[in-house]
Amino acid sequence: MLRCIGREWHLTDNSVAQYHLSPESKFLHGEYLDRGPTCRRHVEATVFHHIGKEANRWEEQFYLGVDESQQIDYGLAPGDSKKLFFELRNEAKTAGQRNIAREAAISRRTISRFVEGKQVRKEIVAKIVGALRTRKA
C-alpha cells in the first residue's frame, strides 16, 4: 500500500510483505497456491477503448472514492465499433436468438433486428453483451 509522507509516496511494509501472494495474471496457473509450470496467456484484442489515466485522477480516486464526473471516455478507436458489432452479431447467431432473448430478458424480435444489423438502443446491446458473457463463463 502506498502512503503519502509529506510530498513523497512510500511503500508500506504490508504491501511488500504480501507481494508474493499476489496472482500473476499474465500466466495460466499463476495463482499463489498453484504448482507446476505456468503457461503464458494469449490475448486477442478485438477493439481498442481509449482512456485517460492521468486525466481521470485514478490515484486520488483510489483514496478519496470514485467520482463519475472525473471519468473521461474517448470512445472506441475509429472503425472498431463496426468490428465490435459484427462480432457480437456473429456470437448471437451462433448462440441462438431464442437463447439470447431469454437470457437477456428481451424479445426475440429485438434480437433479430440486432442480428440483421438494424439499429437498437445502447441498453439493449448491453443486455445482449451480458447474456453472451454469461454463456461463455
N, C-alpha and C. Protein backbone atom coordinates (compact mmCIF):
# COMPACT_ATOMS: atom_id res chain seq x y z
N MET A 1 0.85 -1.17 0.00
CA MET A 1 0.00 0.00 0.00
C MET A 1 0.89 1.23 0.00
N LEU A 2 0.49 2.24 -0.74
CA LEU A 2 1.24 3.48 -0.79
C LEU A 2 0.75 4.42 0.30
N ARG A 3 1.70 5.10 0.91
CA ARG A 3 1.35 6.09 1.93
C ARG A 3 2.09 7.39 1.58
N CYS A 4 1.37 8.49 1.68
CA CYS A 4 1.97 9.79 1.39
C CYS A 4 2.58 10.36 2.66
N ILE A 5 3.88 10.63 2.61
CA ILE A 5 4.58 11.26 3.73
C ILE A 5 5.16 12.55 3.17
N GLY A 6 4.60 13.66 3.64
CA GLY A 6 4.99 14.94 3.07
C GLY A 6 4.50 15.03 1.65
N ARG A 7 5.44 15.15 0.72
CA ARG A 7 5.07 15.18 -0.70
C ARG A 7 5.55 13.92 -1.43
N GLU A 8 6.04 12.94 -0.70
CA GLU A 8 6.57 11.73 -1.33
C GLU A 8 5.70 10.53 -1.00
N TRP A 9 5.63 9.60 -1.92
CA TRP A 9 4.88 8.36 -1.73
C TRP A 9 5.84 7.26 -1.34
N HIS A 10 5.48 6.49 -0.31
CA HIS A 10 6.32 5.40 0.17
C HIS A 10 5.50 4.12 0.26
N LEU A 11 6.17 2.99 -0.04
CA LEU A 11 5.52 1.69 0.14
C LEU A 11 5.51 1.34 1.62
N THR A 12 4.40 0.83 2.09
CA THR A 12 4.37 0.37 3.47
C THR A 12 4.87 -1.06 3.53
N ASP A 13 5.24 -1.52 4.69
CA ASP A 13 5.78 -2.86 4.85
C ASP A 13 4.77 -3.93 4.45
N ASN A 14 3.49 -3.69 4.70
CA ASN A 14 2.48 -4.69 4.39
C ASN A 14 2.41 -5.01 2.90
N SER A 15 2.54 -4.00 2.05
CA SER A 15 2.43 -4.26 0.62
C SER A 15 3.59 -5.09 0.12
N VAL A 16 4.77 -4.84 0.61
CA VAL A 16 5.94 -5.62 0.20
C VAL A 16 5.85 -7.02 0.79
N ALA A 17 5.41 -7.13 2.02
CA ALA A 17 5.32 -8.43 2.68
C ALA A 17 4.30 -9.33 2.00
N GLN A 18 3.25 -8.78 1.43
CA GLN A 18 2.19 -9.57 0.80
C GLN A 18 2.38 -9.72 -0.70
N TYR A 19 3.44 -9.17 -1.26
CA TYR A 19 3.62 -9.16 -2.71
C TYR A 19 3.66 -10.56 -3.30
N HIS A 20 4.33 -11.48 -2.64
CA HIS A 20 4.46 -12.84 -3.18
C HIS A 20 3.12 -13.60 -3.21
N LEU A 21 2.10 -13.07 -2.55
CA LEU A 21 0.79 -13.71 -2.55
C LEU A 21 -0.08 -13.25 -3.72
N SER A 22 0.34 -12.20 -4.41
CA SER A 22 -0.49 -11.66 -5.48
C SER A 22 -0.42 -12.56 -6.71
N PRO A 23 -1.56 -12.77 -7.39
CA PRO A 23 -1.57 -13.64 -8.56
C PRO A 23 -0.86 -13.00 -9.74
N GLU A 24 -0.32 -13.83 -10.60
CA GLU A 24 0.33 -13.36 -11.82
C GLU A 24 -0.64 -13.56 -12.96
N SER A 25 -1.33 -12.50 -13.35
CA SER A 25 -2.42 -12.62 -14.33
C SER A 25 -1.92 -12.86 -15.75
N LYS A 26 -0.65 -12.64 -16.01
CA LYS A 26 -0.13 -12.87 -17.36
C LYS A 26 0.04 -14.35 -17.68
N PHE A 27 -0.05 -15.20 -16.65
CA PHE A 27 0.19 -16.62 -16.85
C PHE A 27 -0.97 -17.45 -16.33
N LEU A 28 -1.26 -18.54 -17.02
CA LEU A 28 -2.22 -19.53 -16.56
C LEU A 28 -1.53 -20.34 -15.47
N HIS A 29 -2.20 -20.66 -14.42
CA HIS A 29 -1.65 -21.34 -13.24
C HIS A 29 -0.65 -20.43 -12.52
N GLY A 30 -0.97 -19.14 -12.42
CA GLY A 30 -0.09 -18.19 -11.76
C GLY A 30 -0.62 -17.73 -10.41
N GLU A 31 -1.57 -18.47 -9.83
CA GLU A 31 -2.11 -18.13 -8.52
C GLU A 31 -1.12 -18.53 -7.43
N TYR A 32 -1.33 -18.01 -6.24
CA TYR A 32 -0.43 -18.25 -5.12
C TYR A 32 -0.27 -19.73 -4.78
N LEU A 33 -1.36 -20.48 -4.76
CA LEU A 33 -1.29 -21.88 -4.37
C LEU A 33 -1.08 -22.85 -5.54
N ASP A 34 -0.99 -22.34 -6.76
CA ASP A 34 -0.78 -23.22 -7.92
C ASP A 34 0.63 -23.77 -7.92
N ARG A 35 0.75 -24.98 -8.41
CA ARG A 35 2.06 -25.63 -8.50
C ARG A 35 2.28 -26.09 -9.94
N GLY A 36 3.52 -26.27 -10.31
CA GLY A 36 3.85 -26.76 -11.64
C GLY A 36 4.17 -25.63 -12.60
N PRO A 37 4.35 -25.99 -13.85
CA PRO A 37 4.72 -24.96 -14.84
C PRO A 37 3.56 -24.01 -15.14
N THR A 38 3.91 -22.80 -15.45
CA THR A 38 2.91 -21.82 -15.86
C THR A 38 2.88 -21.75 -17.37
N CYS A 39 1.77 -21.33 -17.91
CA CYS A 39 1.62 -21.17 -19.36
C CYS A 39 1.28 -19.72 -19.64
N ARG A 40 1.94 -19.18 -20.63
CA ARG A 40 1.68 -17.79 -20.99
C ARG A 40 0.28 -17.67 -21.59
N ARG A 41 -0.46 -16.65 -21.15
CA ARG A 41 -1.80 -16.41 -21.69
C ARG A 41 -1.69 -15.53 -22.93
N HIS A 42 -2.50 -15.84 -23.91
CA HIS A 42 -2.52 -15.04 -25.13
C HIS A 42 -3.83 -14.26 -25.18
N VAL A 43 -3.72 -13.00 -25.49
CA VAL A 43 -4.89 -12.13 -25.54
C VAL A 43 -5.05 -11.64 -26.97
N GLU A 44 -6.28 -11.71 -27.45
CA GLU A 44 -6.56 -11.19 -28.78
C GLU A 44 -7.49 -10.00 -28.62
N ALA A 45 -6.99 -8.83 -28.89
CA ALA A 45 -7.79 -7.62 -28.75
C ALA A 45 -8.74 -7.51 -29.94
N THR A 46 -10.00 -7.31 -29.64
CA THR A 46 -10.97 -7.14 -30.73
C THR A 46 -11.22 -5.67 -31.01
N VAL A 47 -11.25 -4.85 -29.99
CA VAL A 47 -11.42 -3.41 -30.17
C VAL A 47 -10.53 -2.69 -29.16
N PHE A 48 -10.27 -1.43 -29.42
CA PHE A 48 -9.48 -0.61 -28.51
C PHE A 48 -10.37 0.48 -27.94
N HIS A 49 -10.31 0.66 -26.64
CA HIS A 49 -11.11 1.68 -25.96
C HIS A 49 -10.15 2.70 -25.37
N HIS A 50 -10.19 3.92 -25.87
CA HIS A 50 -9.27 4.96 -25.41
C HIS A 50 -9.67 5.46 -24.02
N ILE A 51 -8.69 5.59 -23.16
CA ILE A 51 -8.93 6.09 -21.81
C ILE A 51 -7.92 7.19 -21.51
N GLY A 52 -8.15 7.89 -20.41
CA GLY A 52 -7.21 8.91 -19.99
C GLY A 52 -6.83 8.68 -18.54
N LYS A 53 -5.71 8.00 -18.32
CA LYS A 53 -5.34 7.59 -16.97
C LYS A 53 -5.06 8.79 -16.05
N GLU A 54 -4.19 9.67 -16.47
CA GLU A 54 -3.88 10.81 -15.62
C GLU A 54 -5.05 11.78 -15.52
N ALA A 55 -5.78 11.93 -16.62
CA ALA A 55 -6.92 12.85 -16.62
C ALA A 55 -8.03 12.37 -15.69
N ASN A 56 -8.13 11.06 -15.48
CA ASN A 56 -9.17 10.52 -14.61
C ASN A 56 -8.81 10.61 -13.14
N ARG A 57 -7.60 10.99 -12.84
CA ARG A 57 -7.14 11.17 -11.46
C ARG A 57 -7.36 9.89 -10.64
N TRP A 58 -6.89 8.76 -11.18
CA TRP A 58 -7.09 7.46 -10.55
C TRP A 58 -6.50 7.37 -9.16
N GLU A 59 -5.31 7.94 -8.98
CA GLU A 59 -4.67 7.83 -7.67
C GLU A 59 -5.50 8.54 -6.60
N GLU A 60 -6.01 9.70 -6.93
CA GLU A 60 -6.84 10.43 -5.97
C GLU A 60 -8.14 9.67 -5.70
N GLN A 61 -8.74 9.12 -6.74
CA GLN A 61 -10.00 8.41 -6.57
C GLN A 61 -9.82 7.13 -5.77
N PHE A 62 -8.64 6.54 -5.83
CA PHE A 62 -8.38 5.34 -5.04
C PHE A 62 -8.53 5.63 -3.56
N TYR A 63 -8.05 6.78 -3.13
CA TYR A 63 -8.08 7.12 -1.71
C TYR A 63 -9.34 7.89 -1.31
N LEU A 64 -9.86 8.71 -2.21
CA LEU A 64 -10.99 9.57 -1.87
C LEU A 64 -12.34 9.02 -2.32
N GLY A 65 -12.34 7.98 -3.15
CA GLY A 65 -13.59 7.43 -3.67
C GLY A 65 -13.78 7.80 -5.12
N VAL A 66 -14.55 7.01 -5.81
CA VAL A 66 -14.77 7.20 -7.25
C VAL A 66 -15.67 8.39 -7.48
N ASP A 67 -15.27 9.22 -8.42
CA ASP A 67 -16.04 10.39 -8.82
C ASP A 67 -16.36 10.23 -10.31
N GLU A 68 -17.61 9.91 -10.63
CA GLU A 68 -18.01 9.64 -12.01
C GLU A 68 -17.78 10.86 -12.91
N SER A 69 -17.82 12.05 -12.37
CA SER A 69 -17.63 13.24 -13.20
C SER A 69 -16.20 13.35 -13.70
N GLN A 70 -15.26 12.67 -13.04
CA GLN A 70 -13.86 12.71 -13.45
C GLN A 70 -13.53 11.68 -14.53
N GLN A 71 -14.47 10.77 -14.84
CA GLN A 71 -14.20 9.73 -15.82
C GLN A 71 -14.31 10.29 -17.23
N ILE A 72 -13.20 10.26 -17.95
CA ILE A 72 -13.18 10.75 -19.32
C ILE A 72 -13.23 9.54 -20.24
N ASP A 73 -14.14 9.56 -21.18
CA ASP A 73 -14.29 8.46 -22.12
C ASP A 73 -14.07 8.99 -23.52
N TYR A 74 -13.01 8.51 -24.16
CA TYR A 74 -12.70 8.95 -25.51
C TYR A 74 -13.39 8.09 -26.57
N GLY A 75 -14.10 7.05 -26.14
CA GLY A 75 -14.82 6.19 -27.08
C GLY A 75 -13.91 5.16 -27.73
N LEU A 76 -14.48 4.43 -28.66
CA LEU A 76 -13.75 3.40 -29.38
C LEU A 76 -12.88 4.03 -30.46
N ALA A 77 -11.84 3.29 -30.84
CA ALA A 77 -10.99 3.74 -31.93
C ALA A 77 -11.81 3.74 -33.22
N PRO A 78 -11.44 4.59 -34.18
CA PRO A 78 -12.21 4.66 -35.43
C PRO A 78 -12.30 3.28 -36.10
N GLY A 79 -13.49 2.91 -36.53
CA GLY A 79 -13.69 1.64 -37.22
C GLY A 79 -13.91 0.45 -36.29
N ASP A 80 -13.58 0.59 -35.01
CA ASP A 80 -13.72 -0.54 -34.09
C ASP A 80 -15.16 -0.82 -33.71
N SER A 81 -16.02 0.19 -33.73
CA SER A 81 -17.41 -0.07 -33.36
C SER A 81 -18.09 -0.99 -34.37
N LYS A 82 -17.79 -0.83 -35.66
CA LYS A 82 -18.35 -1.72 -36.68
C LYS A 82 -17.84 -3.14 -36.48
N LYS A 83 -16.57 -3.27 -36.18
CA LYS A 83 -15.97 -4.59 -35.95
C LYS A 83 -16.58 -5.25 -34.72
N LEU A 84 -16.77 -4.47 -33.66
CA LEU A 84 -17.36 -5.00 -32.43
C LEU A 84 -18.79 -5.50 -32.68
N PHE A 85 -19.61 -4.71 -33.35
CA PHE A 85 -20.98 -5.11 -33.63
C PHE A 85 -21.04 -6.32 -34.55
N PHE A 86 -20.13 -6.40 -35.50
CA PHE A 86 -20.08 -7.56 -36.39
C PHE A 86 -19.80 -8.83 -35.58
N GLU A 87 -18.83 -8.77 -34.67
CA GLU A 87 -18.50 -9.94 -33.85
C GLU A 87 -19.63 -10.28 -32.88
N LEU A 88 -20.28 -9.27 -32.31
CA LEU A 88 -21.41 -9.53 -31.42
C LEU A 88 -22.56 -10.20 -32.18
N ARG A 89 -22.81 -9.74 -33.40
CA ARG A 89 -23.88 -10.34 -34.19
C ARG A 89 -23.58 -11.81 -34.51
N ASN A 90 -22.32 -12.09 -34.85
CA ASN A 90 -21.94 -13.47 -35.14
C ASN A 90 -22.09 -14.36 -33.90
N GLU A 91 -21.70 -13.84 -32.73
CA GLU A 91 -21.85 -14.61 -31.50
C GLU A 91 -23.32 -14.86 -31.18
N ALA A 92 -24.15 -13.86 -31.41
CA ALA A 92 -25.58 -14.01 -31.15
C ALA A 92 -26.20 -15.03 -32.09
N LYS A 93 -25.75 -15.05 -33.35
CA LYS A 93 -26.24 -16.06 -34.30
C LYS A 93 -25.84 -17.45 -33.84
N THR A 94 -24.59 -17.61 -33.42
CA THR A 94 -24.09 -18.91 -33.00
C THR A 94 -24.80 -19.41 -31.75
N ALA A 95 -25.03 -18.52 -30.80
CA ALA A 95 -25.66 -18.91 -29.54
C ALA A 95 -27.15 -19.19 -29.71
N GLY A 96 -27.75 -18.64 -30.73
CA GLY A 96 -29.18 -18.83 -30.95
C GLY A 96 -29.97 -17.65 -30.42
N GLN A 97 -30.83 -17.11 -31.29
CA GLN A 97 -31.57 -15.91 -30.93
C GLN A 97 -32.52 -16.15 -29.76
N ARG A 98 -33.17 -17.30 -29.72
CA ARG A 98 -34.11 -17.56 -28.63
C ARG A 98 -33.40 -17.64 -27.29
N ASN A 99 -32.25 -18.31 -27.28
CA ASN A 99 -31.49 -18.44 -26.03
C ASN A 99 -31.04 -17.07 -25.52
N ILE A 100 -30.50 -16.26 -26.41
CA ILE A 100 -30.03 -14.93 -26.02
C ILE A 100 -31.20 -14.07 -25.56
N ALA A 101 -32.33 -14.13 -26.27
CA ALA A 101 -33.51 -13.34 -25.89
C ALA A 101 -33.97 -13.72 -24.49
N ARG A 102 -33.98 -15.01 -24.19
CA ARG A 102 -34.42 -15.47 -22.86
C ARG A 102 -33.44 -15.00 -21.78
N GLU A 103 -32.15 -15.17 -22.03
CA GLU A 103 -31.14 -14.81 -21.03
C GLU A 103 -31.02 -13.29 -20.84
N ALA A 104 -31.23 -12.53 -21.91
CA ALA A 104 -31.12 -11.07 -21.81
C ALA A 104 -32.44 -10.42 -21.41
N ALA A 105 -33.52 -11.20 -21.35
CA ALA A 105 -34.85 -10.71 -20.99
C ALA A 105 -35.33 -9.63 -21.96
N ILE A 106 -35.13 -9.90 -23.25
CA ILE A 106 -35.63 -9.01 -24.29
C ILE A 106 -36.34 -9.87 -25.33
N SER A 107 -37.09 -9.24 -26.21
CA SER A 107 -37.88 -10.00 -27.18
C SER A 107 -36.98 -10.59 -28.27
N ARG A 108 -37.45 -11.70 -28.84
CA ARG A 108 -36.70 -12.34 -29.92
C ARG A 108 -36.69 -11.44 -31.16
N ARG A 109 -37.72 -10.66 -31.32
CA ARG A 109 -37.78 -9.72 -32.45
C ARG A 109 -36.66 -8.69 -32.35
N THR A 110 -36.39 -8.22 -31.13
CA THR A 110 -35.32 -7.25 -30.94
C THR A 110 -33.97 -7.88 -31.26
N ILE A 111 -33.77 -9.12 -30.81
CA ILE A 111 -32.52 -9.83 -31.13
C ILE A 111 -32.39 -9.99 -32.64
N SER A 112 -33.48 -10.32 -33.28
CA SER A 112 -33.48 -10.49 -34.73
C SER A 112 -33.08 -9.19 -35.43
N ARG A 113 -33.62 -8.07 -34.95
CA ARG A 113 -33.26 -6.77 -35.52
C ARG A 113 -31.76 -6.51 -35.35
N PHE A 114 -31.23 -6.85 -34.17
CA PHE A 114 -29.81 -6.65 -33.90
C PHE A 114 -28.95 -7.51 -34.83
N VAL A 115 -29.32 -8.78 -34.99
CA VAL A 115 -28.55 -9.70 -35.83
C VAL A 115 -28.60 -9.27 -37.29
N GLU A 116 -29.72 -8.70 -37.73
CA GLU A 116 -29.85 -8.23 -39.11
C GLU A 116 -29.06 -6.95 -39.37
N GLY A 117 -28.53 -6.34 -38.32
CA GLY A 117 -27.74 -5.13 -38.49
C GLY A 117 -28.52 -3.84 -38.34
N LYS A 118 -29.76 -3.96 -37.90
CA LYS A 118 -30.57 -2.75 -37.69
C LYS A 118 -30.20 -2.12 -36.36
N GLN A 119 -30.49 -0.84 -36.24
CA GLN A 119 -30.11 -0.10 -35.05
C GLN A 119 -31.00 -0.45 -33.86
N VAL A 120 -30.35 -0.69 -32.70
CA VAL A 120 -31.06 -0.92 -31.45
C VAL A 120 -30.44 -0.01 -30.38
N ARG A 121 -31.16 0.19 -29.30
CA ARG A 121 -30.68 1.09 -28.24
C ARG A 121 -29.46 0.52 -27.53
N LYS A 122 -28.68 1.42 -26.92
CA LYS A 122 -27.47 1.01 -26.19
C LYS A 122 -27.79 0.04 -25.05
N GLU A 123 -28.92 0.27 -24.38
CA GLU A 123 -29.30 -0.59 -23.26
C GLU A 123 -29.53 -2.03 -23.73
N ILE A 124 -30.08 -2.17 -24.92
CA ILE A 124 -30.34 -3.50 -25.48
C ILE A 124 -29.01 -4.18 -25.80
N VAL A 125 -28.09 -3.44 -26.40
CA VAL A 125 -26.77 -4.00 -26.71
C VAL A 125 -26.07 -4.44 -25.43
N ALA A 126 -26.19 -3.65 -24.37
CA ALA A 126 -25.58 -4.01 -23.09
C ALA A 126 -26.18 -5.31 -22.55
N LYS A 127 -27.49 -5.48 -22.69
CA LYS A 127 -28.13 -6.72 -22.24
C LYS A 127 -27.66 -7.92 -23.06
N ILE A 128 -27.49 -7.73 -24.36
CA ILE A 128 -27.01 -8.81 -25.22
C ILE A 128 -25.59 -9.19 -24.85
N VAL A 129 -24.75 -8.20 -24.63
CA VAL A 129 -23.37 -8.47 -24.22
C VAL A 129 -23.35 -9.23 -22.89
N GLY A 130 -24.19 -8.82 -21.95
CA GLY A 130 -24.26 -9.51 -20.67
C GLY A 130 -24.68 -10.97 -20.82
N ALA A 131 -25.65 -11.22 -21.68
CA ALA A 131 -26.10 -12.59 -21.92
C ALA A 131 -25.02 -13.43 -22.58
N LEU A 132 -24.29 -12.83 -23.51
CA LEU A 132 -23.20 -13.57 -24.18
C LEU A 132 -22.07 -13.87 -23.19
N ARG A 133 -21.80 -12.94 -22.29
CA ARG A 133 -20.73 -13.18 -21.30
C ARG A 133 -21.10 -14.32 -20.35
N THR A 134 -22.35 -14.36 -19.92
CA THR A 134 -22.75 -15.43 -19.01
C THR A 134 -22.70 -16.78 -19.71
N ARG A 135 -22.93 -16.81 -21.02
CA ARG A 135 -22.84 -18.07 -21.76
C ARG A 135 -21.41 -18.56 -21.85
N LYS A 136 -20.45 -17.63 -21.95
CA LYS A 136 -19.04 -18.01 -22.04
C LYS A 136 -18.48 -18.50 -20.73
N ALA A 137 -19.03 -17.97 -19.62
CA ALA A 137 -18.49 -18.32 -18.30
C ALA A 137 -18.83 -19.73 -17.88
